[in-house]
Amino acid sequence: EKAGFFADLKINLIYPCTETHVKKYSKQHVRFVTETPEIYRESIRPYMQSKRDQGRLNWVFNIIEGRKEVEDVIYRTKLGEAGDEGFLLLPDLNWDRSTLDALHLLAIVERRDIWSLRDLKKKHIPWLEHMKNKLISATVKTYPSIEPDQLKLYVHYQPTYYHFHIHIVHVALEAGATQATGKAFGLDVLVEMLKVMAGDEEAGMDAVSMTYTLGEASELWTEVYEPLKKSGRASR
């Protein structure tokens, strides 16, 4: 057989594989939902809190604190020395770690007060802009053949886990489910939304209706949106 016969075949092994992973990657019907500020406040925020209370973020904190997956971290600020601007970069599960045109990194921030884009407020604009510059600089420093205008940054909503993290991908990366409308929200777009938003520095994304896709096997659908739909309270 020719060497490289399977060059276009990539297999992801997830370990430990939780029920959440199984539901996420199983073939299923998809729904498009609208999360109003009321639904977020009354249903989604408590759901997020429950996941954090169950210790679902311990693995993230272990990575941040250097206890786990140290060998996978490709760049990091010194733990605890950069304050709110501390972060680390590691390869996304979907990247083969060699094809730069398919670059996909995750930036996990050290600060723990931001769970998702819903926690972003006007007062966070300078932080977001500074973090964007730091993340691009770190990526280009790590991969010198990539230029700043070959990178795009976005966040997911709903995210897989409720600790703020930013996706950094090469612009040549084919847009799959991870970059799809109803899943990915550009970091620049979020910053602009905050800039034009009325209100003081505490005004933020928790006051905006968000539309996104959900698989019918996901807990958010079965525990939140399906009951809302059956009760007639869902907005769509």
Foldseek 3Di string as FASTA:
>chain_A
DDPCPCVVDDDFDDPPQDPQNVLVPDDFDKDKAKQALVLCVPPVVVVQVVCVVVVVCVVVVCVLVVNPPVVFWLDWDPRPPPPQLTWTKGFDSPDPVPPQQWGKIKIFTPDAPAFFQLQDALLCLVVLVVSLVVVLVVVCVSPVVDDSVQKFKWGFVVDSHGGDMIMITGVSNDDDPCNDPQTIDTSVNQSVCNVPDDDDRNDHNSNDMGIHMDGCSHCCCVVRVVVCVVVVNTPD
